[in-house]
Amino acid sequence: MKRTPPWPALWPALVLALTVGQLAVATFVPGIDQFEGKAFGARLVAYPVMMLVVPAVWWLHARRTGSGGAVPWGAFALVMLPFLIDVTGNSLDLYDAVVWWDDANHYANWALLCGGIGLLLADHLGPPWVVVVAVTGIGAVLAIGWELGEWFTFIRQGTELDTAYEDTLGDEVLGTLGAFTSAVLMGWRARR
């Protein structure tokens, strides 16, 4: 593997540290209303694991094949950034205070997440249309998985059950559209 300067690694490390720090506050500091009933104990475990899956898979693949090249720190940061944005939105109580925050997050966070995934995959997928289909498909599957995770951790026995169906469908559509946006950009990039 080719060595890269250490400072690009600071971006994903900073995103991870800021996310975990806010999750710890949300989990262990009592009496903060915006964190109540939103499964922050589960998030404290799940978010860091999910944030590190892509770098771990890349590292294992690079080690196994010897084809690592430069470490894609920017792609890793893009994959991790949606978790920080989600936690920060909760910390600032934006989900309750700003009507459109949740919808904007599902679109923008999936665009960021799939942008990072697309950067990792685009050079290996072939024609641009394959990149668009693959990145959009991955984003759609991840949007469904995310909504299932929300359902099992805090919606099914929480206060949001009455509006969950409509919200879930909207979130899946917005996540898929965000993935499609990144996929088109990755396809255009692959064409060039």
N, C-alpha and C. Protein backbone atom coordinates (compact mmCIF):
# COMPACT_ATOMS: atom_id res chain seq x y z
N MET A 1 0.83 -1.19 0.00
CA MET A 1 0.00 0.00 0.00
C MET A 1 0.88 1.25 0.00
N LYS A 2 0.45 2.19 -0.79
CA LYS A 2 1.17 3.45 -0.89
C LYS A 2 0.89 4.29 0.36
N ARG A 3 1.93 4.92 0.88
CA ARG A 3 1.76 5.76 2.08
C ARG A 3 1.26 7.13 1.67
N THR A 4 0.33 7.64 2.46
CA THR A 4 -0.19 8.98 2.25
C THR A 4 0.15 9.83 3.46
N PRO A 5 0.18 11.15 3.31
CA PRO A 5 0.45 12.00 4.48
C PRO A 5 -0.62 11.77 5.55
N PRO A 6 -0.28 11.94 6.83
CA PRO A 6 -1.23 11.62 7.90
C PRO A 6 -2.41 12.57 8.01
N TRP A 7 -2.29 13.82 7.53
CA TRP A 7 -3.38 14.77 7.80
C TRP A 7 -4.71 14.42 7.14
N PRO A 8 -4.78 13.78 5.95
CA PRO A 8 -6.12 13.43 5.45
C PRO A 8 -6.87 12.47 6.35
N ALA A 9 -6.15 11.65 7.11
CA ALA A 9 -6.79 10.72 8.03
C ALA A 9 -7.49 11.45 9.18
N LEU A 10 -7.12 12.70 9.40
CA LEU A 10 -7.74 13.46 10.48
C LEU A 10 -9.22 13.71 10.23
N TRP A 11 -9.63 13.86 8.96
CA TRP A 11 -11.04 14.15 8.69
C TRP A 11 -11.96 13.05 9.16
N PRO A 12 -11.76 11.79 8.72
CA PRO A 12 -12.65 10.75 9.25
C PRO A 12 -12.49 10.56 10.76
N ALA A 13 -11.28 10.72 11.28
CA ALA A 13 -11.08 10.57 12.73
C ALA A 13 -11.82 11.66 13.49
N LEU A 14 -11.80 12.89 12.98
CA LEU A 14 -12.52 13.99 13.61
C LEU A 14 -14.03 13.76 13.56
N VAL A 15 -14.53 13.33 12.41
CA VAL A 15 -15.96 13.05 12.27
C VAL A 15 -16.37 11.96 13.26
N LEU A 16 -15.58 10.91 13.37
CA LEU A 16 -15.87 9.82 14.31
C LEU A 16 -15.85 10.32 15.74
N ALA A 17 -14.84 11.08 16.12
CA ALA A 17 -14.72 11.58 17.49
C ALA A 17 -15.88 12.52 17.85
N LEU A 18 -16.25 13.42 16.96
CA LEU A 18 -17.37 14.33 17.23
C LEU A 18 -18.69 13.58 17.36
N THR A 19 -18.86 12.55 16.54
CA THR A 19 -20.08 11.75 16.60
C THR A 19 -20.16 10.99 17.92
N VAL A 20 -19.09 10.29 18.27
CA VAL A 20 -19.08 9.50 19.50
C VAL A 20 -19.23 10.41 20.73
N GLY A 21 -18.59 11.57 20.71
CA GLY A 21 -18.72 12.50 21.83
C GLY A 21 -20.15 12.93 22.06
N GLN A 22 -20.85 13.29 20.98
CA GLN A 22 -22.25 13.70 21.13
C GLN A 22 -23.13 12.52 21.54
N LEU A 23 -22.83 11.34 21.00
CA LEU A 23 -23.60 10.15 21.40
C LEU A 23 -23.42 9.85 22.88
N ALA A 24 -22.21 10.03 23.39
CA ALA A 24 -21.95 9.79 24.81
C ALA A 24 -22.75 10.77 25.67
N VAL A 25 -22.77 12.03 25.28
CA VAL A 25 -23.56 13.03 26.01
C VAL A 25 -25.03 12.63 25.98
N ALA A 26 -25.53 12.27 24.80
CA ALA A 26 -26.94 11.91 24.66
C ALA A 26 -27.29 10.68 25.50
N THR A 27 -26.36 9.76 25.65
CA THR A 27 -26.61 8.52 26.37
C THR A 27 -26.46 8.68 27.88
N PHE A 28 -25.45 9.43 28.32
CA PHE A 28 -25.10 9.43 29.73
C PHE A 28 -25.48 10.69 30.50
N VAL A 29 -25.86 11.77 29.84
CA VAL A 29 -26.28 12.98 30.55
C VAL A 29 -27.80 12.99 30.61
N PRO A 30 -28.37 12.84 31.79
CA PRO A 30 -29.83 12.74 31.91
C PRO A 30 -30.52 14.09 31.72
N GLY A 31 -31.80 14.01 31.35
CA GLY A 31 -32.65 15.18 31.33
C GLY A 31 -32.58 16.05 30.09
N ILE A 32 -31.98 15.59 29.02
CA ILE A 32 -31.96 16.38 27.78
C ILE A 32 -33.10 15.87 26.91
N ASP A 33 -34.14 16.69 26.78
CA ASP A 33 -35.40 16.26 26.18
C ASP A 33 -35.27 15.73 24.75
N GLN A 34 -34.45 16.37 23.92
CA GLN A 34 -34.40 15.97 22.52
C GLN A 34 -33.81 14.57 22.30
N PHE A 35 -33.20 14.00 23.33
CA PHE A 35 -32.62 12.66 23.21
C PHE A 35 -33.55 11.57 23.74
N GLU A 36 -34.61 11.96 24.42
CA GLU A 36 -35.51 10.99 25.06
C GLU A 36 -36.25 10.16 24.01
N GLY A 37 -36.25 8.85 24.21
CA GLY A 37 -37.01 7.93 23.37
C GLY A 37 -36.46 7.73 21.97
N LYS A 38 -35.19 8.05 21.76
CA LYS A 38 -34.62 7.93 20.42
C LYS A 38 -33.45 6.94 20.37
N ALA A 39 -33.39 6.05 21.32
CA ALA A 39 -32.45 4.92 21.32
C ALA A 39 -30.99 5.35 21.21
N PHE A 40 -30.59 6.34 21.99
CA PHE A 40 -29.21 6.79 21.90
C PHE A 40 -28.21 5.81 22.49
N GLY A 41 -28.65 4.96 23.41
CA GLY A 41 -27.77 3.90 23.89
C GLY A 41 -27.41 2.95 22.76
N ALA A 42 -28.41 2.57 21.97
CA ALA A 42 -28.17 1.70 20.81
C ALA A 42 -27.31 2.43 19.77
N ARG A 43 -27.57 3.70 19.58
CA ARG A 43 -26.79 4.47 18.60
C ARG A 43 -25.32 4.58 19.01
N LEU A 44 -25.07 4.69 20.32
CA LEU A 44 -23.70 4.79 20.80
C LEU A 44 -22.88 3.56 20.39
N VAL A 45 -23.52 2.44 20.31
CA VAL A 45 -22.85 1.21 19.86
C VAL A 45 -22.88 1.10 18.34
N ALA A 46 -24.06 1.30 17.75
CA ALA A 46 -24.25 1.03 16.32
C ALA A 46 -23.56 2.05 15.41
N TYR A 47 -23.62 3.33 15.73
CA TYR A 47 -23.06 4.33 14.82
C TYR A 47 -21.56 4.17 14.60
N PRO A 48 -20.75 4.04 15.65
CA PRO A 48 -19.32 3.85 15.39
C PRO A 48 -19.03 2.59 14.58
N VAL A 49 -19.78 1.53 14.86
CA VAL A 49 -19.59 0.29 14.09
C VAL A 49 -19.92 0.53 12.62
N MET A 50 -21.07 1.15 12.35
CA MET A 50 -21.46 1.41 10.96
C MET A 50 -20.49 2.38 10.28
N MET A 51 -19.97 3.34 11.03
CA MET A 51 -19.02 4.30 10.46
C MET A 51 -17.71 3.63 10.06
N LEU A 52 -17.36 2.58 10.76
CA LEU A 52 -16.08 1.92 10.52
C LEU A 52 -16.17 0.71 9.59
N VAL A 53 -17.38 0.31 9.19
CA VAL A 53 -17.52 -0.85 8.31
C VAL A 53 -16.82 -0.64 6.98
N VAL A 54 -17.08 0.49 6.33
CA VAL A 54 -16.49 0.72 5.00
C VAL A 54 -14.97 0.79 5.06
N PRO A 55 -14.37 1.58 5.98
CA PRO A 55 -12.91 1.55 6.05
C PRO A 55 -12.36 0.15 6.37
N ALA A 56 -13.04 -0.61 7.22
CA ALA A 56 -12.57 -1.96 7.56
C ALA A 56 -12.63 -2.88 6.35
N VAL A 57 -13.72 -2.82 5.59
CA VAL A 57 -13.84 -3.65 4.39
C VAL A 57 -12.77 -3.25 3.38
N TRP A 58 -12.56 -1.94 3.19
CA TRP A 58 -11.52 -1.49 2.26
C TRP A 58 -10.16 -2.01 2.70
N TRP A 59 -9.85 -1.88 3.99
CA TRP A 59 -8.55 -2.31 4.49
C TRP A 59 -8.36 -3.82 4.30
N LEU A 60 -9.39 -4.61 4.63
CA LEU A 60 -9.30 -6.07 4.46
C LEU A 60 -9.12 -6.45 3.00
N HIS A 61 -9.87 -5.79 2.12
CA HIS A 61 -9.74 -6.06 0.68
C HIS A 61 -8.36 -5.67 0.18
N ALA A 62 -7.87 -4.50 0.59
CA ALA A 62 -6.54 -4.05 0.16
C ALA A 62 -5.46 -4.99 0.66
N ARG A 63 -5.60 -5.44 1.87
CA ARG A 63 -4.61 -6.35 2.45
C ARG A 63 -4.62 -7.72 1.76
N ARG A 64 -5.83 -8.20 1.46
CA ARG A 64 -5.97 -9.52 0.85
C ARG A 64 -5.47 -9.53 -0.59
N THR A 65 -5.77 -8.45 -1.32
CA THR A 65 -5.43 -8.41 -2.75
C THR A 65 -4.13 -7.68 -3.04
N GLY A 66 -3.64 -6.90 -2.07
CA GLY A 66 -2.45 -6.11 -2.32
C GLY A 66 -2.71 -4.96 -3.29
N SER A 67 -3.98 -4.57 -3.44
CA SER A 67 -4.34 -3.54 -4.42
C SER A 67 -4.82 -2.25 -3.77
N GLY A 68 -4.32 -1.95 -2.59
CA GLY A 68 -4.83 -0.81 -1.84
C GLY A 68 -4.62 0.54 -2.49
N GLY A 69 -3.42 0.84 -2.89
CA GLY A 69 -3.14 2.18 -3.38
C GLY A 69 -3.25 3.18 -2.25
N ALA A 70 -3.52 4.42 -2.60
CA ALA A 70 -3.67 5.47 -1.59
C ALA A 70 -4.96 5.24 -0.80
N VAL A 71 -4.90 5.49 0.48
CA VAL A 71 -6.07 5.32 1.34
C VAL A 71 -7.09 6.41 0.97
N PRO A 72 -8.34 6.03 0.68
CA PRO A 72 -9.36 7.00 0.27
C PRO A 72 -10.02 7.71 1.45
N TRP A 73 -9.24 8.53 2.14
CA TRP A 73 -9.74 9.20 3.34
C TRP A 73 -10.97 10.06 3.06
N GLY A 74 -11.00 10.73 1.92
CA GLY A 74 -12.16 11.55 1.58
C GLY A 74 -13.43 10.74 1.46
N ALA A 75 -13.33 9.58 0.81
CA ALA A 75 -14.49 8.69 0.68
C ALA A 75 -14.94 8.21 2.06
N PHE A 76 -13.98 7.86 2.92
CA PHE A 76 -14.34 7.42 4.27
C PHE A 76 -15.05 8.54 5.03
N ALA A 77 -14.55 9.76 4.91
CA ALA A 77 -15.18 10.90 5.60
C ALA A 77 -16.61 11.12 5.10
N LEU A 78 -16.83 10.97 3.78
CA LEU A 78 -18.19 11.13 3.24
C LEU A 78 -19.13 10.06 3.78
N VAL A 79 -18.64 8.84 3.91
CA VAL A 79 -19.47 7.76 4.44
C VAL A 79 -19.81 8.02 5.91
N MET A 80 -18.89 8.59 6.66
CA MET A 80 -19.09 8.82 8.09
C MET A 80 -19.89 10.09 8.40
N LEU A 81 -19.83 11.07 7.55
CA LEU A 81 -20.43 12.38 7.81
C LEU A 81 -21.93 12.34 8.10
N PRO A 82 -22.73 11.52 7.43
CA PRO A 82 -24.16 11.49 7.75
C PRO A 82 -24.47 11.14 9.21
N PHE A 83 -23.65 10.31 9.83
CA PHE A 83 -23.87 9.97 11.23
C PHE A 83 -23.64 11.19 12.12
N LEU A 84 -22.61 11.95 11.82
CA LEU A 84 -22.35 13.18 12.57
C LEU A 84 -23.49 14.18 12.37
N ILE A 85 -23.95 14.33 11.15
CA ILE A 85 -25.04 15.27 10.86
C ILE A 85 -26.31 14.85 11.61
N ASP A 86 -26.60 13.56 11.62
CA ASP A 86 -27.79 13.08 12.33
C ASP A 86 -27.71 13.39 13.82
N VAL A 87 -26.58 13.06 14.44
CA VAL A 87 -26.43 13.28 15.88
C VAL A 87 -26.43 14.78 16.19
N THR A 88 -25.77 15.56 15.37
CA THR A 88 -25.74 17.02 15.59
C THR A 88 -27.14 17.60 15.45
N GLY A 89 -27.91 17.11 14.49
CA GLY A 89 -29.30 17.55 14.34
C GLY A 89 -30.12 17.27 15.59
N ASN A 90 -29.88 16.12 16.20
CA ASN A 90 -30.56 15.81 17.47
C ASN A 90 -30.03 16.69 18.60
N SER A 91 -28.72 16.88 18.65
CA SER A 91 -28.13 17.70 19.72
C SER A 91 -28.67 19.12 19.69
N LEU A 92 -28.86 19.65 18.49
CA LEU A 92 -29.38 21.02 18.34
C LEU A 92 -30.90 21.06 18.30
N ASP A 93 -31.54 19.92 18.50
CA ASP A 93 -33.00 19.78 18.50
C ASP A 93 -33.63 20.21 17.18
N LEU A 94 -32.91 20.02 16.08
CA LEU A 94 -33.41 20.44 14.77
C LEU A 94 -34.54 19.55 14.25
N TYR A 95 -34.56 18.29 14.67
CA TYR A 95 -35.63 17.40 14.21
C TYR A 95 -37.00 17.85 14.70
N ASP A 96 -37.04 18.47 15.87
CA ASP A 96 -38.32 18.95 16.40
C ASP A 96 -38.55 20.43 16.07
N ALA A 97 -37.48 21.21 15.95
CA ALA A 97 -37.61 22.65 15.76
C ALA A 97 -37.76 23.08 14.30
N VAL A 98 -37.24 22.29 13.37
CA VAL A 98 -37.27 22.66 11.95
C VAL A 98 -38.06 21.59 11.21
N VAL A 99 -39.19 21.99 10.64
CA VAL A 99 -40.14 21.05 10.04
C VAL A 99 -39.50 20.19 8.95
N TRP A 100 -38.67 20.78 8.13
CA TRP A 100 -38.10 20.07 6.97
C TRP A 100 -36.77 19.37 7.26
N TRP A 101 -36.26 19.47 8.49
CA TRP A 101 -34.93 18.94 8.80
C TRP A 101 -34.81 17.43 8.51
N ASP A 102 -35.77 16.64 8.96
CA ASP A 102 -35.71 15.20 8.77
C ASP A 102 -35.68 14.84 7.29
N ASP A 103 -36.53 15.47 6.50
CA ASP A 103 -36.57 15.18 5.06
C ASP A 103 -35.26 15.58 4.37
N ALA A 104 -34.77 16.77 4.70
CA ALA A 104 -33.51 17.22 4.10
C ALA A 104 -32.37 16.28 4.47
N ASN A 105 -32.39 15.78 5.71
CA ASN A 105 -31.36 14.85 6.15
C ASN A 105 -31.37 13.56 5.37
N HIS A 106 -32.54 13.01 5.14
CA HIS A 106 -32.59 11.74 4.42
C HIS A 106 -32.06 11.91 2.99
N TYR A 107 -32.37 13.01 2.36
CA TYR A 107 -31.84 13.25 1.01
C TYR A 107 -30.33 13.52 1.05
N ALA A 108 -29.93 14.51 1.83
CA ALA A 108 -28.53 14.95 1.84
C ALA A 108 -27.60 13.88 2.43
N ASN A 109 -28.02 13.23 3.50
CA ASN A 109 -27.16 12.22 4.11
C ASN A 109 -26.95 11.02 3.18
N TRP A 110 -27.99 10.63 2.44
CA TRP A 110 -27.80 9.54 1.49
C TRP A 110 -26.96 9.99 0.29
N ALA A 111 -27.06 11.25 -0.07
CA ALA A 111 -26.18 11.76 -1.14
C ALA A 111 -24.72 11.69 -0.68
N LEU A 112 -24.44 12.09 0.55
CA LEU A 112 -23.07 12.03 1.08
C LEU A 112 -22.59 10.58 1.21
N LEU A 113 -23.41 9.76 1.86
CA LEU A 113 -23.06 8.36 2.07
C LEU A 113 -22.76 7.65 0.74
N CYS A 114 -23.66 7.82 -0.21
CA CYS A 114 -23.49 7.14 -1.50
C CYS A 114 -22.43 7.81 -2.35
N GLY A 115 -22.15 9.08 -2.09
CA GLY A 115 -21.00 9.72 -2.75
C GLY A 115 -19.71 9.05 -2.33
N GLY A 116 -19.58 8.78 -1.03
CA GLY A 116 -18.39 8.08 -0.53
C GLY A 116 -18.30 6.67 -1.08
N ILE A 117 -19.42 5.96 -1.08
CA ILE A 117 -19.44 4.60 -1.62
C ILE A 117 -19.13 4.63 -3.12
N GLY A 118 -19.72 5.59 -3.81
CA GLY A 118 -19.47 5.72 -5.24
C GLY A 118 -18.01 5.99 -5.56
N LEU A 119 -17.36 6.83 -4.75
CA LEU A 119 -15.93 7.09 -4.97
C LEU A 119 -15.12 5.81 -4.82
N LEU A 120 -15.52 4.94 -3.92
CA LEU A 120 -14.81 3.69 -3.71
C LEU A 120 -15.06 2.68 -4.83
N LEU A 121 -16.26 2.71 -5.41
CA LEU A 121 -16.64 1.67 -6.37
C LEU A 121 -16.55 2.07 -7.84
N ALA A 122 -16.69 3.35 -8.15
CA ALA A 122 -16.88 3.79 -9.53
C ALA A 122 -15.80 3.31 -10.49
N ASP A 123 -14.57 3.31 -10.06
CA ASP A 123 -13.48 2.91 -10.95
C ASP A 123 -13.45 1.41 -11.21
N HIS A 124 -14.25 0.64 -10.48
CA HIS A 124 -14.23 -0.81 -10.59
C HIS A 124 -15.49 -1.40 -11.20
N LEU A 125 -16.44 -0.55 -11.59
CA LEU A 125 -17.75 -1.06 -12.00
C LEU A 125 -18.00 -1.09 -13.50
N GLY A 126 -17.17 -0.52 -14.29
CA GLY A 126 -17.42 -0.57 -15.73
C GLY A 126 -18.09 0.67 -16.26
N PRO A 127 -19.02 0.51 -17.21
CA PRO A 127 -19.64 1.68 -17.85
C PRO A 127 -20.39 2.56 -16.84
N PRO A 128 -20.52 3.84 -17.16
CA PRO A 128 -21.19 4.78 -16.24
C PRO A 128 -22.60 4.35 -15.83
N TRP A 129 -23.36 3.74 -16.73
CA TRP A 129 -24.72 3.35 -16.36
C TRP A 129 -24.71 2.28 -15.27
N VAL A 130 -23.68 1.44 -15.24
CA VAL A 130 -23.56 0.43 -14.20
C VAL A 130 -23.29 1.10 -12.85
N VAL A 131 -22.46 2.15 -12.89
CA VAL A 131 -22.18 2.92 -11.67
C VAL A 131 -23.47 3.51 -11.13
N VAL A 132 -24.27 4.11 -12.01
CA VAL A 132 -25.53 4.74 -11.58
C VAL A 132 -26.46 3.71 -10.96
N VAL A 133 -26.63 2.58 -11.62
CA VAL A 133 -27.54 1.55 -11.11
C VAL A 133 -27.02 0.97 -9.79
N ALA A 134 -25.72 0.68 -9.73
CA ALA A 134 -25.16 0.05 -8.53
C ALA A 134 -25.22 0.98 -7.33
N VAL A 135 -24.80 2.23 -7.49
CA VAL A 135 -24.79 3.16 -6.35
C VAL A 135 -26.21 3.49 -5.91
N THR A 136 -27.12 3.67 -6.86
CA THR A 136 -28.53 3.91 -6.50
C THR A 136 -29.11 2.71 -5.77
N GLY A 137 -28.83 1.52 -6.27
CA GLY A 137 -29.33 0.29 -5.64
C GLY A 137 -28.79 0.11 -4.23
N ILE A 138 -27.51 0.35 -4.06
CA ILE A 138 -26.92 0.25 -2.72
C ILE A 138 -27.58 1.26 -1.79
N GLY A 139 -27.78 2.48 -2.28
CA GLY A 139 -28.42 3.52 -1.47
C GLY A 139 -29.85 3.15 -1.09
N ALA A 140 -30.60 2.56 -2.03
CA ALA A 140 -31.98 2.16 -1.74
C ALA A 140 -32.01 1.06 -0.68
N VAL A 141 -31.12 0.09 -0.80
CA VAL A 141 -31.06 -0.99 0.18
C VAL A 141 -30.68 -0.44 1.56
N LEU A 142 -29.73 0.49 1.58
CA LEU A 142 -29.33 1.09 2.86
C LEU A 142 -30.46 1.92 3.47
N ALA A 143 -31.24 2.60 2.63
CA ALA A 143 -32.38 3.39 3.13
C ALA A 143 -33.42 2.47 3.77
N ILE A 144 -33.68 1.34 3.14
CA ILE A 144 -34.63 0.37 3.71
C ILE A 144 -34.07 -0.17 5.03
N GLY A 145 -32.81 -0.54 5.03
CA GLY A 145 -32.18 -1.05 6.25
C GLY A 145 -32.22 -0.04 7.39
N TRP A 146 -31.98 1.22 7.05
CA TRP A 146 -32.01 2.27 8.07
C TRP A 146 -33.39 2.37 8.70
N GLU A 147 -34.42 2.37 7.85
CA GLU A 147 -35.79 2.48 8.35
C GLU A 147 -36.18 1.27 9.20
N LEU A 148 -35.71 0.09 8.83
CA LEU A 148 -35.94 -1.10 9.66
C LEU A 148 -35.26 -0.93 11.02
N GLY A 149 -34.05 -0.39 11.02
CA GLY A 149 -33.35 -0.13 12.28
C GLY A 149 -34.10 0.85 13.16
N GLU A 150 -34.62 1.92 12.56
CA GLU A 150 -35.41 2.88 13.34
C GLU A 150 -36.65 2.22 13.91
N TRP A 151 -37.30 1.40 13.09
CA TRP A 151 -38.51 0.72 13.55
C TRP A 151 -38.24 -0.13 14.79
N PHE A 152 -37.18 -0.95 14.71
CA PHE A 152 -36.91 -1.87 15.82
C PHE A 152 -36.35 -1.19 17.05
N THR A 153 -35.63 -0.07 16.89
CA THR A 153 -35.02 0.54 18.06
C THR A 153 -35.92 1.53 18.79
N PHE A 154 -36.72 2.31 18.06
CA PHE A 154 -37.50 3.28 18.83
C PHE A 154 -38.88 3.62 18.28
N ILE A 155 -39.23 3.26 17.07
CA ILE A 155 -40.54 3.66 16.55
C ILE A 155 -41.65 2.72 17.02
N ARG A 156 -41.44 1.42 16.97
CA ARG A 156 -42.52 0.47 17.23
C ARG A 156 -43.12 0.59 18.62
N GLN A 157 -42.36 1.09 19.58
CA GLN A 157 -42.91 1.25 20.92
C GLN A 157 -42.79 2.69 21.41
N GLY A 158 -42.64 3.61 20.45
CA GLY A 158 -42.46 5.01 20.82
C GLY A 158 -43.68 5.85 20.52
N THR A 159 -43.47 7.14 20.52
CA THR A 159 -44.56 8.09 20.32
C THR A 159 -44.82 8.42 18.85
N GLU A 160 -43.98 7.93 17.94
CA GLU A 160 -44.09 8.29 16.53
C GLU A 160 -44.82 7.24 15.70
N LEU A 161 -45.44 6.27 16.34
CA LEU A 161 -46.06 5.15 15.64
C LEU A 161 -47.18 5.58 14.70
N ASP A 162 -47.97 6.58 15.09
CA ASP A 162 -49.11 7.02 14.27
C ASP A 162 -48.69 7.54 12.90
N THR A 163 -47.53 8.16 12.82
CA THR A 163 -47.08 8.74 11.54
C THR A 163 -45.94 7.95 10.91
N ALA A 164 -45.62 6.80 11.48
CA ALA A 164 -44.44 6.04 11.04
C ALA A 164 -44.52 5.57 9.60
N TYR A 165 -45.67 5.08 9.16
CA TYR A 165 -45.78 4.53 7.82
C TYR A 165 -45.46 5.58 6.75
N GLU A 166 -46.15 6.70 6.83
CA GLU A 166 -45.93 7.77 5.85
C GLU A 166 -44.51 8.31 5.93
N ASP A 167 -44.00 8.49 7.14
CA ASP A 167 -42.65 9.00 7.32
C ASP A 167 -41.62 8.02 6.76
N THR A 168 -41.82 6.74 7.02
CA THR A 168 -40.88 5.72 6.53
C THR A 168 -40.84 5.70 5.01
N LEU A 169 -42.00 5.71 4.38
CA LEU A 169 -42.02 5.72 2.90
C LEU A 169 -41.33 6.96 2.35
N GLY A 170 -41.63 8.11 2.93
CA GLY A 170 -40.98 9.35 2.49
C GLY A 170 -39.48 9.31 2.68
N ASP A 171 -39.03 8.79 3.83
CA ASP A 171 -37.59 8.70 4.10
C ASP A 171 -36.89 7.77 3.12
N GLU A 172 -37.55 6.65 2.78
CA GLU A 172 -36.94 5.72 1.82
C GLU A 172 -36.83 6.34 0.44
N VAL A 173 -37.87 7.07 0.04
CA VAL A 173 -37.84 7.74 -1.27
C VAL A 173 -36.75 8.82 -1.29
N LEU A 174 -36.68 9.64 -0.25
CA LEU A 174 -35.67 10.70 -0.20
C LEU A 174 -34.26 10.13 -0.14
N GLY A 175 -34.08 9.05 0.61
CA GLY A 175 -32.78 8.40 0.65
C GLY A 175 -32.38 7.86 -0.71
N THR A 176 -33.32 7.25 -1.39
CA THR A 176 -33.03 6.72 -2.73
C THR A 176 -32.74 7.85 -3.71
N LEU A 177 -33.47 8.95 -3.62
CA LEU A 177 -33.18 10.10 -4.49
C LEU A 177 -31.81 10.71 -4.20
N GLY A 178 -31.43 10.76 -2.93
CA GLY A 178 -30.09 11.23 -2.60
C GLY A 178 -29.03 10.31 -3.16
N ALA A 179 -29.27 9.00 -3.06
CA ALA A 179 -28.35 8.01 -3.64
C ALA A 179 -28.27 8.18 -5.15
N PHE A 180 -29.42 8.38 -5.79
CA PHE A 180 -29.45 8.57 -7.25
C PHE A 180 -28.68 9.82 -7.67
N THR A 181 -28.82 10.88 -6.89
CA THR A 181 -28.08 12.11 -7.19
C THR A 181 -26.58 11.85 -7.19
N SER A 182 -26.09 11.19 -6.14
CA SER A 182 -24.67 10.84 -6.09
C SER A 182 -24.29 9.87 -7.19
N ALA A 183 -25.18 8.93 -7.48
CA ALA A 183 -24.90 7.94 -8.52
C ALA A 183 -24.71 8.61 -9.88
N VAL A 184 -25.56 9.59 -10.17
CA VAL A 184 -25.43 10.30 -11.45
C VAL A 184 -24.10 11.06 -11.49
N LEU A 185 -23.73 11.69 -10.38
CA LEU A 185 -22.43 12.38 -10.34
C LEU A 185 -21.27 11.41 -10.49
N MET A 186 -21.37 10.24 -9.86
CA MET A 186 -20.32 9.22 -9.99
C MET A 186 -20.27 8.67 -11.40
N GLY A 187 -21.43 8.48 -12.02
CA GLY A 187 -21.47 8.03 -13.42
C GLY A 187 -20.86 9.04 -14.35
N TRP A 188 -21.15 10.32 -14.10
CA TRP A 188 -20.55 11.39 -14.91
C TRP A 188 -19.04 11.41 -14.70
N ARG A 189 -18.61 11.25 -13.48
CA ARG A 189 -17.18 11.20 -13.16
C ARG A 189 -16.51 10.02 -13.86
N ALA A 190 -17.18 8.86 -13.86
CA ALA A 190 -16.62 7.67 -14.50
C ALA A 190 -16.51 7.86 -16.01
N ARG A 191 -17.43 8.60 -16.59
CA ARG A 191 -17.39 8.87 -18.03
C ARG A 191 -16.21 9.71 -18.42
N ARG A 192 -15.81 10.59 -17.52
CA ARG A 192 -14.69 11.48 -17.80
C ARG A 192 -13.40 10.74 -17.60
